[in-house]
Amino acid sequence: MKDITPKISIISPVYNAERYIVKCLDSILVQTFQDWELILVDDGSSDKSGVICDEYAAKDDRVVVIHQKNKGLSGARNAGI
């Protein structure tokens, strides 16, 4: 039986990062190592960051998005874990 758990989990808190999130996500997606998952924690963004994260999740099964009310950086990291 093959283990389907990714070798690497990348947890990225996201808060009002609309200007930067596309560049960040694109840089992760072009990596040559493929056995990873990306957990994006939208920490109550008031811009389009959450929508952009959802668009990437729809395009790539390795991307998971968690939306939550703002809990700060440590709260977003803990949600990702």
Protein backbone atom coordinates (compact mmCIF):
# COMPACT_ATOMS: atom_id res chain seq x y z
CA MET A 1 0.00 0.00 0.00
CA LYS A 2 1.44 3.35 -1.06
CA ASP A 3 1.60 6.13 1.52
CA ILE A 4 -0.22 9.16 0.08
CA THR A 5 0.81 11.55 2.85
CA PRO A 6 3.03 14.29 1.40
CA LYS A 7 6.63 14.37 2.62
CA ILE A 8 6.53 18.13 3.19
CA SER A 9 3.74 20.37 4.45
CA ILE A 10 4.16 24.08 3.85
CA ILE A 11 2.03 26.25 6.11
CA SER A 12 1.60 29.83 4.99
CA PRO A 13 -0.43 32.33 7.00
CA VAL A 14 -2.07 34.86 4.68
CA TYR A 15 -3.32 38.27 5.77
CA ASN A 16 -4.05 41.03 3.27
CA ALA A 17 -1.32 39.83 0.94
CA GLU A 18 -3.15 40.47 -2.33
CA ARG A 19 -0.17 42.35 -3.77
CA TYR A 20 2.30 39.52 -3.06
CA ILE A 21 0.42 36.23 -2.84
CA VAL A 22 0.46 35.36 -6.55
CA LYS A 23 4.24 35.68 -6.76
CA CYS A 24 4.61 33.62 -3.58
CA LEU A 25 2.30 30.84 -4.74
CA ASP A 26 3.78 30.71 -8.23
CA SER A 27 7.27 30.33 -6.77
CA ILE A 28 6.13 27.35 -4.71
CA LEU A 29 4.30 25.69 -7.60
CA VAL A 30 7.32 25.73 -9.92
CA GLN A 31 9.57 23.77 -7.56
CA THR A 32 10.96 20.57 -9.03
CA PHE A 33 10.25 18.58 -5.86
CA GLN A 34 6.58 17.59 -6.10
CA ASP A 35 5.76 15.61 -2.93
CA TRP A 36 4.36 18.43 -0.82
CA GLU A 37 1.14 20.05 0.29
CA LEU A 38 0.57 23.76 0.77
CA ILE A 39 -1.76 24.84 3.55
CA LEU A 40 -2.82 28.47 3.17
CA VAL A 41 -4.47 29.97 6.24
CA ASP A 42 -6.46 33.05 5.29
CA ASP A 43 -6.48 34.87 8.62
CA GLY A 44 -9.45 37.17 8.06
CA SER A 45 -8.08 39.09 5.09
CA SER A 46 -10.16 42.08 4.02
CA ASP A 47 -8.68 42.18 0.51
CA LYS A 48 -8.86 39.53 -2.25
CA SER A 49 -6.20 37.27 -0.72
CA GLY A 50 -8.73 34.59 0.25
CA VAL A 51 -10.25 34.53 -3.23
CA ILE A 52 -6.81 34.20 -4.82
CA CYS A 53 -5.95 31.33 -2.46
CA ASP A 54 -9.21 29.56 -3.41
CA GLU A 55 -8.38 29.96 -7.10
CA TYR A 56 -5.02 28.25 -6.61
CA ALA A 57 -6.64 25.45 -4.58
CA ALA A 58 -9.11 24.87 -7.43
CA LYS A 59 -6.20 24.50 -9.88
CA ASP A 60 -3.91 22.27 -7.77
CA ASP A 61 -4.99 19.48 -5.41
CA ARG A 62 -1.87 19.98 -3.28
CA VAL A 63 -3.14 23.39 -2.17
CA VAL A 64 -5.52 23.51 0.80
CA VAL A 65 -7.12 26.73 2.08
CA ILE A 66 -8.38 27.38 5.59
CA HIS A 67 -10.45 30.54 6.11
CA GLN A 68 -10.76 31.87 9.64
CA LYS A 69 -11.49 35.07 11.54
CA ASN A 70 -8.34 37.01 12.35
CA LYS A 71 -6.42 35.25 15.12
CA GLY A 72 -2.98 36.64 14.42
CA LEU A 73 0.13 34.95 13.11
CA SER A 74 0.42 32.28 15.81
CA GLY A 75 -3.31 31.49 15.54
CA ALA A 76 -2.97 31.09 11.78
CA ARG A 77 0.06 28.82 12.16
CA ASN A 78 -1.74 26.69 14.72
CA ALA A 79 -4.75 26.33 12.42
CA GLY A 80 -2.40 25.11 9.67
CA ILE A 81 -0.83 22.53 11.94
